[in-house]
C-alpha atoms as a PDB file:
ATOM      1  CA  UNK A   1       0.000   0.000   0.000  1.00  0.00           C
ATOM      2  CA  UNK A   2       2.840   2.441   0.807  1.00  0.00           C
ATOM      3  CA  UNK A   3       5.621   3.256  -1.623  1.00  0.00           C
ATOM      4  CA  UNK A   4       8.435   5.784  -1.994  1.00  0.00           C
ATOM      5  CA  UNK A   5       8.799   6.281   1.765  1.00  0.00           C
ATOM      6  CA  UNK A   6      10.826   9.287   2.864  1.00  0.00           C
ATOM      7  CA  UNK A   7      11.688   9.811   6.545  1.00  0.00           C
ATOM      8  CA  UNK A   8      10.788  13.166   8.096  1.00  0.00           C
ATOM      9  CA  UNK A   9      12.798  14.610  10.979  1.00  0.00           C
ATOM     10  CA  UNK A  10      10.830  17.301  12.717  1.00  0.00           C
ATOM     11  CA  UNK A  11       7.549  17.976  10.936  1.00  0.00           C
ATOM     12  CA  UNK A  12       4.372  18.118  13.021  1.00  0.00           C
ATOM     13  CA  UNK A  13       0.662  18.384  12.320  1.00  0.00           C
ATOM     14  CA  UNK A  14      -1.802  20.126  14.630  1.00  0.00           C
ATOM     15  CA  UNK A  15      -4.936  18.038  15.172  1.00  0.00           C
ATOM     16  CA  UNK A  16      -8.476  19.059  16.162  1.00  0.00           C
ATOM     17  CA  UNK A  17      -7.830  19.255  19.911  1.00  0.00           C
ATOM     18  CA  UNK A  18      -4.792  21.513  19.371  1.00  0.00           C
ATOM     19  CA  UNK A  19      -2.201  18.797  20.048  1.00  0.00           C
ATOM     20  CA  UNK A  20       0.941  18.631  17.911  1.00  0.00           C
ATOM     21  CA  UNK A  21       1.632  15.156  16.485  1.00  0.00           C
ATOM     22  CA  UNK A  22       4.898  14.079  14.877  1.00  0.00           C
ATOM     23  CA  UNK A  23       4.827  13.199  11.171  1.00  0.00           C
ATOM     24  CA  UNK A  24       7.402  10.451  10.624  1.00  0.00           C
ATOM     25  CA  UNK A  25       7.200   9.713   6.895  1.00  0.00           C
ATOM     26  CA  UNK A  26       5.882  11.076   3.642  1.00  0.00           C
ATOM     27  CA  UNK A  27       4.931   8.543   0.980  1.00  0.00           C
ATOM     28  CA  UNK A  28       2.704   7.508  -1.894  1.00  0.00           C
ATOM     29  CA  UNK A  29      -0.334   5.350  -1.143  1.00  0.00           C
ATOM     30  CA  UNK A  30      -2.128   3.269  -3.771  1.00  0.00           C
ATOM     31  CA  UNK A  31      -5.860   2.887  -3.186  1.00  0.00           C
ATOM     32  CA  UNK A  32      -8.374   0.864  -5.166  1.00  0.00           C
ATOM     33  CA  UNK A  33     -11.472   2.809  -6.107  1.00  0.00           C
ATOM     34  CA  UNK A  34     -15.026   1.423  -6.195  1.00  0.00           C
ATOM     35  CA  UNK A  35     -14.788   1.167  -9.982  1.00  0.00           C
ATOM     36  CA  UNK A  36     -11.725  -1.093  -9.640  1.00  0.00           C
ATOM     37  CA  UNK A  37      -9.228   1.516 -10.829  1.00  0.00           C
ATOM     38  CA  UNK A  38      -6.125   1.967  -8.652  1.00  0.00           C
ATOM     39  CA  UNK A  39      -5.094   5.545  -7.895  1.00  0.00           C
ATOM     40  CA  UNK A  40      -1.954   6.891  -6.246  1.00  0.00           C
ATOM     41  CA  UNK A  41      -2.219   9.516  -3.535  1.00  0.00           C
ATOM     42  CA  UNK A  42       1.098  11.376  -3.329  1.00  0.00           C
ATOM     43  CA  UNK A  43       2.661  13.395  -0.514  1.00  0.00           C
ATOM     44  CA  UNK A  44       0.762  11.377   2.113  1.00  0.00           C
ATOM     45  CA  UNK A  45       1.904  12.053   5.669  1.00  0.00           C
ATOM     46  CA  UNK A  46       2.219   9.146   8.101  1.00  0.00           C
ATOM     47  CA  UNK A  47       1.323  10.271  11.629  1.00  0.00           C
ATOM     48  CA  UNK A  48       1.359   7.254  14.010  1.00  0.00           C
ATOM     49  CA  UNK A  49      -0.728   9.006  16.700  1.00  0.00           C
ATOM     50  CA  UNK A  50      -3.651   9.455  14.305  1.00  0.00           C
ATOM     51  CA  UNK A  51      -5.437   6.101  14.279  1.00  0.00           C
ATOM     52  CA  UNK A  52      -7.883   6.805  11.420  1.00  0.00           C
ATOM     53  CA  UNK A  53      -7.129   7.449   7.766  1.00  0.00           C
ATOM     54  CA  UNK A  54      -7.875  11.057   6.880  1.00  0.00           C
ATOM     55  CA  UNK A  55      -8.071  12.383   3.338  1.00  0.00           C
ATOM     56  CA  UNK A  56      -8.195  16.133   2.819  1.00  0.00           C
ATOM     57  CA  UNK A  57     -10.725  16.868   0.080  1.00  0.00           C
ATOM     58  CA  UNK A  58      -9.062  20.256  -0.471  1.00  0.00           C
ATOM     59  CA  UNK A  59      -5.604  18.758  -0.969  1.00  0.00           C
ATOM     60  CA  UNK A  60      -6.907  16.031  -3.285  1.00  0.00           C
ATOM     61  CA  UNK A  61      -8.742  18.661  -5.342  1.00  0.00           C
ATOM     62  CA  UNK A  62      -5.621  20.839  -5.544  1.00  0.00           C
ATOM     63  CA  UNK A  63      -3.814  17.907  -7.180  1.00  0.00           C
ATOM     64  CA  UNK A  64      -6.328  17.940 -10.041  1.00  0.00           C
ATOM     65  CA  UNK A  65      -8.480  15.033  -8.859  1.00  0.00           C
ATOM     66  CA  UNK A  66     -12.269  15.158  -8.777  1.00  0.00           C
ATOM     67  CA  UNK A  67     -13.919  14.299  -5.464  1.00  0.00           C
ATOM     68  CA  UNK A  68     -17.491  12.994  -5.468  1.00  0.00           C
ATOM     69  CA  UNK A  69     -19.376  12.330  -2.253  1.00  0.00           C
ATOM     70  CA  UNK A  70     -22.566  10.305  -2.371  1.00  0.00           C
ATOM     71  CA  UNK A  71     -25.058   9.092   0.176  1.00  0.00           C
ATOM     72  CA  UNK A  72     -24.408   5.348   0.430  1.00  0.00           C
ATOM     73  CA  UNK A  73     -28.023   4.798   1.510  1.00  0.00           C
ATOM     74  CA  UNK A  74     -29.644   6.420  -1.514  1.00  0.00           C
ATOM     75  CA  UNK A  75     -31.694   4.291  -3.854  1.00  0.00           C
ATOM     76  CA  UNK A  76     -30.800   5.081  -7.396  1.00  0.00           C
END
């Protein structure tokens, strides 16, 4: 899932409660989309203290990708 790992020395990210968490690596992550196509997310930060995967819609959009959010419960 991870490729092109690059160690980071002193970068931090500030999370919702104001705490500073150490970023330890920057990498590329390959994810498989619902349509079966694999996409690479670049410049992904690995922050061990954050236990959930977080994708910034703004950052993804700034890289030229289209983000579509749908209600998974809708009947269509």
